[in-house]
Protein backbone atom coordinates (compact mmCIF):
# COMPACT_ATOMS: atom_id res chain seq x y z
CA GLN A 1 0.00 0.00 0.00
CA VAL A 2 1.03 3.58 -0.63
CA GLN A 3 0.64 6.30 1.96
CA LEU A 4 -0.30 9.73 0.62
CA VAL A 5 0.04 12.98 2.55
CA GLU A 6 -1.24 16.29 1.19
CA SER A 7 0.04 19.71 2.15
CA GLY A 8 -0.22 23.30 0.97
CA GLY A 9 -3.83 24.07 1.71
CA GLY A 10 -4.91 27.23 3.47
CA LEU A 11 -6.89 30.43 3.27
CA VAL A 12 -6.51 32.65 0.23
CA GLN A 13 -8.40 35.57 -1.24
CA ALA A 14 -10.32 35.25 -4.48
CA GLY A 15 -7.99 35.63 -7.43
CA GLY A 16 -5.07 34.24 -5.50
CA SER A 17 -3.04 31.08 -5.95
CA LEU A 18 -2.07 28.01 -3.96
CA ARG A 19 0.14 25.03 -4.69
CA LEU A 20 -0.83 21.69 -3.21
CA SER A 21 1.63 18.85 -2.79
CA CYS A 22 1.08 15.16 -2.18
CA ALA A 23 3.97 13.06 -0.92
CA ALA A 24 3.83 9.31 -1.51
CA SER A 25 5.60 6.72 0.60
CA GLY A 26 5.54 2.99 1.04
CA ARG A 27 5.88 0.53 -1.80
CA THR A 28 7.32 1.47 -5.15
CA ILE A 29 5.06 3.66 -7.24
CA ASN A 30 6.14 2.56 -10.69
CA ASN A 31 3.27 2.84 -13.16
CA TYR A 32 1.26 4.62 -10.49
CA ALA A 33 -1.42 7.02 -11.68
CA MET A 34 -2.37 9.90 -9.44
CA GLY A 35 -5.15 12.39 -9.20
CA TRP A 36 -6.77 15.17 -7.25
CA PHE A 37 -10.36 15.26 -6.07
CA ARG A 38 -12.20 17.73 -3.90
CA GLN A 39 -15.26 17.70 -1.70
CA ALA A 40 -17.19 20.71 -0.47
CA PRO A 41 -19.63 20.47 2.47
CA GLY A 42 -22.84 18.79 1.44
CA LYS A 43 -21.54 17.90 -2.00
CA GLU A 44 -20.21 14.76 -3.63
CA ARG A 45 -16.52 14.21 -4.21
CA GLU A 46 -15.58 15.95 -7.46
CA PHE A 47 -12.88 15.07 -9.95
CA VAL A 48 -10.26 17.81 -10.29
CA SER A 49 -7.40 16.32 -12.29
CA PHE A 50 -5.37 13.19 -13.01
CA ILE A 51 -1.96 12.43 -14.40
CA SER A 52 -0.50 9.14 -15.60
CA TRP A 53 2.83 7.77 -14.39
CA SER A 54 4.65 9.10 -17.45
CA GLY A 55 2.77 12.37 -17.48
CA ASP A 56 1.60 11.89 -21.05
CA SER A 57 -2.03 11.55 -20.03
CA ILE A 58 -3.55 14.49 -18.15
CA ALA A 59 -7.13 15.57 -17.66
CA TYR A 60 -8.98 18.29 -15.78
CA GLY A 61 -12.48 18.79 -14.57
CA ASP A 62 -14.43 21.42 -16.47
CA SER A 63 -14.64 23.73 -13.47
CA VAL A 64 -10.84 23.99 -13.10
CA LYS A 65 -9.66 23.71 -16.69
CA GLY A 66 -7.39 26.61 -17.63
CA ARG A 67 -6.79 27.59 -13.99
CA PHE A 68 -5.24 24.51 -12.39
CA THR A 69 -2.14 22.61 -13.47
CA ILE A 70 -1.21 19.11 -12.32
CA SER A 71 2.35 17.83 -12.35
CA ARG A 72 4.45 15.16 -10.70
CA ALA A 73 8.07 14.53 -9.80
CA ASN A 74 8.48 10.76 -9.76
CA ALA A 75 11.99 10.85 -8.35
CA LYS A 76 10.58 12.72 -5.36
CA LYS A 77 7.39 10.64 -5.25
CA THR A 78 5.45 13.88 -5.18
CA LEU A 79 2.33 15.12 -6.94
CA TYR A 80 1.49 18.80 -7.31
CA LEU A 81 -1.53 20.92 -8.09
CA GLN A 82 -0.95 24.56 -8.99
CA MET A 83 -4.18 26.46 -8.49
CA ASN A 84 -4.53 29.95 -9.95
CA SER A 85 -7.39 32.44 -10.19
CA LEU A 86 -9.11 30.83 -7.24
CA THR A 87 -12.76 31.59 -6.54
CA PRO A 88 -14.93 30.90 -3.48
CA GLU A 89 -16.42 27.99 -5.44
CA ASP A 90 -13.03 26.26 -5.18
CA THR A 91 -13.40 26.02 -1.41
CA ALA A 92 -13.25 22.35 -0.46
CA VAL A 93 -11.15 19.64 1.07
CA TYR A 94 -8.70 18.51 -1.59
CA TYR A 95 -7.69 14.86 -1.70
CA CYS A 96 -4.77 13.18 -3.39
CA ALA A 97 -5.43 9.72 -4.82
CA GLY A 98 -3.35 7.00 -6.42
CA GLY A 99 -3.91 3.76 -8.28
CA SER A 100 -3.12 1.69 -11.31
CA ILE A 101 -5.26 3.62 -13.79
CA ALA A 102 -5.72 7.37 -14.33
CA THR A 103 -9.46 7.97 -14.48
CA ARG A 104 -12.05 10.54 -13.46
CA SER A 105 -13.78 8.07 -11.17
CA PRO A 106 -12.81 8.15 -7.49
CA GLY A 107 -13.70 4.46 -7.23
CA SER A 108 -10.78 3.61 -9.50
CA TYR A 109 -8.19 4.76 -6.97
CA SER A 110 -6.96 2.45 -4.24
CA ASP A 111 -5.01 4.93 -2.13
CA TRP A 112 -6.14 8.23 -0.63
CA GLY A 113 -4.63 10.98 1.46
CA GLN A 114 -6.32 12.53 4.46
CA GLY A 115 -7.13 15.74 2.60
CA THR A 116 -6.11 19.36 2.92
CA GLN A 117 -8.53 22.26 3.35
CA VAL A 118 -8.58 25.05 0.79
CA THR A 119 -10.68 28.08 1.64
CA VAL A 120 -11.11 30.97 -0.77
CA SER A 121 -12.57 34.16 0.63
CA SER A 122 -14.49 36.65 -1.49
């Protein structure tokens, strides 16, 4: 099993930026797809972005496309999410996920972090 730990969340004003990180540890993560999801109070978990092991397959949810950028540094076993032009609608707990296939479905991921809170004030 892989342990995932997110960091970088916090409070930011609308229009600002944050960079989330997700550090992986445990077994080797070769061929390990990773993604970001978020969940706001009273709402279902929402797909944000995924990236394949090689980085040649990337996708974004419609609500973040053009504002967020996913990347990974395999040598550091770390996943990133650069979030720009944040709005109050981006307020949520952001979760890092990992598994064998990069998909938009949270059920496809076997490993999850504990989440990091992102709050965007208006």
